[in-house]
C-alpha atoms as a PDB file:
ATOM      1  CA  MET A   1      -2.172 -14.002  -3.463  1.00  0.00           C
ATOM      2  CA  GLU A   2      -4.799 -12.347  -1.339  1.00  0.00           C
ATOM      3  CA  THR A   3      -5.670  -8.671  -1.803  1.00  0.00           C
ATOM      4  CA  PRO A   4      -5.386  -6.695   1.435  1.00  0.00           C
ATOM      5  CA  ALA A   5      -8.605  -5.405   2.970  1.00  0.00           C
ATOM      6  CA  SER A   6      -7.213  -1.909   3.360  1.00  0.00           C
ATOM      7  CA  TYR A   7      -4.155   0.298   3.079  1.00  0.00           C
ATOM      8  CA  LYS A   8      -3.629  -0.092   6.823  1.00  0.00           C
ATOM      9  CA  ALA A   9      -3.735  -3.891   6.549  1.00  0.00           C
ATOM     10  CA  ALA A  10      -1.252  -3.855   3.656  1.00  0.00           C
ATOM     11  CA  LEU A  11       1.104  -1.612   5.589  1.00  0.00           C
ATOM     12  CA  ALA A  12       0.898  -3.855   8.646  1.00  0.00           C
ATOM     13  CA  GLU A  13       1.658  -6.919   6.536  1.00  0.00           C
ATOM     14  CA  LEU A  14       4.602  -5.126   4.921  1.00  0.00           C
ATOM     15  CA  GLU A  15       5.948  -4.251   8.365  1.00  0.00           C
ATOM     16  CA  GLY A  16       5.605  -7.908   9.368  1.00  0.00           C
ATOM     17  CA  ILE A  17       7.484  -9.069   6.295  1.00  0.00           C
ATOM     18  CA  LEU A  18      10.231  -6.551   6.924  1.00  0.00           C
ATOM     19  CA  ALA A  19      10.552  -7.686  10.537  1.00  0.00           C
ATOM     20  CA  LYS A  20      10.844 -11.313   9.419  1.00  0.00           C
ATOM     21  CA  MET A  21      13.433 -10.432   6.779  1.00  0.00           C
ATOM     22  CA  GLU A  22      15.502  -8.521   9.337  1.00  0.00           C
ATOM     23  CA  SER A  23      15.378 -11.312  11.893  1.00  0.00           C
ATOM     24  CA  ASP A  24      16.513 -14.893  12.077  1.00  0.00           C
ATOM     25  CA  GLN A  25      13.002 -15.996  11.045  1.00  0.00           C
ATOM     26  CA  CYS A  26      13.778 -15.566   7.356  1.00  0.00           C
ATOM     27  CA  ASP A  27      15.546 -18.443   5.697  1.00  0.00           C
ATOM     28  CA  ILE A  28      16.835 -18.319   2.163  1.00  0.00           C
ATOM     29  CA  ASP A  29      14.021 -20.582   0.946  1.00  0.00           C
ATOM     30  CA  SER A  30      11.390 -18.043   2.058  1.00  0.00           C
ATOM     31  CA  LEU A  31      13.133 -14.910   0.845  1.00  0.00           C
ATOM     32  CA  ALA A  32      11.757 -14.969  -2.711  1.00  0.00           C
ATOM     33  CA  GLY A  33       8.193 -15.450  -1.457  1.00  0.00           C
ATOM     34  CA  TYR A  34       8.502 -12.602   1.040  1.00  0.00           C
ATOM     35  CA  THR A  35       9.980 -10.347  -1.628  1.00  0.00           C
ATOM     36  CA  ALA A  36       7.200 -11.144  -4.110  1.00  0.00           C
ATOM     37  CA  ARG A  37       4.491 -10.513  -1.509  1.00  0.00           C
ATOM     38  CA  ALA A  38       6.133  -7.259  -0.434  1.00  0.00           C
ATOM     39  CA  LEU A  39       6.148  -6.100  -4.061  1.00  0.00           C
ATOM     40  CA  GLU A  40       2.428  -6.878  -4.400  1.00  0.00           C
ATOM     41  CA  LEU A  41       1.694  -4.978  -1.198  1.00  0.00           C
ATOM     42  CA  LEU A  42       3.771  -1.997  -2.305  1.00  0.00           C
ATOM     43  CA  LYS A  43       1.889  -1.861  -5.612  1.00  0.00           C
ATOM     44  CA  PHE A  44      -1.421  -2.023  -3.734  1.00  0.00           C
ATOM     45  CA  CYS A  45      -0.370   0.830  -1.433  1.00  0.00           C
ATOM     46  CA  LYS A  46       0.846   2.935  -4.347  1.00  0.00           C
ATOM     47  CA  GLU A  47      -2.451   2.460  -6.196  1.00  0.00           C
ATOM     48  CA  ARG A  48      -4.418   3.409  -3.076  1.00  0.00           C
ATOM     49  CA  LEU A  49      -2.316   6.524  -2.517  1.00  0.00           C
ATOM     50  CA  PHE A  50      -2.711   7.684  -6.127  1.00  0.00           C
ATOM     51  CA  LYS A  51      -6.446   6.946  -6.069  1.00  0.00           C
ATOM     52  CA  THR A  52      -6.878   8.928  -2.869  1.00  0.00           C
ATOM     53  CA  ASP A  53      -4.819  11.776  -4.289  1.00  0.00           C
ATOM     54  CA  ARG A  54      -7.055  11.909  -7.383  1.00  0.00           C
ATOM     55  CA  GLU A  55     -10.209  11.859  -5.243  1.00  0.00           C
ATOM     56  CA  ILE A  56      -8.939  14.700  -3.054  1.00  0.00           C
ATOM     57  CA  GLU A  57      -7.969  16.696  -6.129  1.00  0.00           C
ATOM     58  CA  GLU A  58     -11.481  16.215  -7.549  1.00  0.00           C
ATOM     59  CA  CYS A  59     -13.029  17.377  -4.273  1.00  0.00           C
ATOM     60  CA  LEU A  60     -10.807  20.448  -4.164  1.00  0.00           C
ATOM     61  CA  ASN A  61     -11.641  21.289  -7.780  1.00  0.00           C
ATOM     62  CA  ALA A  62     -15.361  20.911  -7.060  1.00  0.00           C
ATOM     63  CA  LEU A  63     -15.032  23.142  -4.019  1.00  0.00           C
ATOM     64  CA  LYS A  64     -13.093  25.732  -5.992  1.00  0.00           C
ATOM     65  CA  SER A  65     -15.736  25.693  -8.735  1.00  0.00           C
ATOM     66  CA  SER A  66     -18.580  26.098  -6.257  1.00  0.00           C
ATOM     67  CA  LEU A  67     -16.822  29.047  -4.598  1.00  0.00           C
ATOM     68  CA  GLU A  68     -16.293  30.755  -7.956  1.00  0.00           C
ATOM     69  CA  GLU A  69     -19.994  30.636  -8.829  1.00  0.00           C
END
């Protein structure tokens, strides 16, 4: 399946899937596909969040080091 362009796009798609699953638009034949796509999107979002966290931590460490010099 297609990789989202951004965290925001993945979140929007997840919200769309959730809305479909909560409404009458979701039939039993589509449920497995929606669930699989939601899992992919959740993994993507988790990876982005952890990557951003690491990058912020590196920036803070660099700032701390430069202030200690």
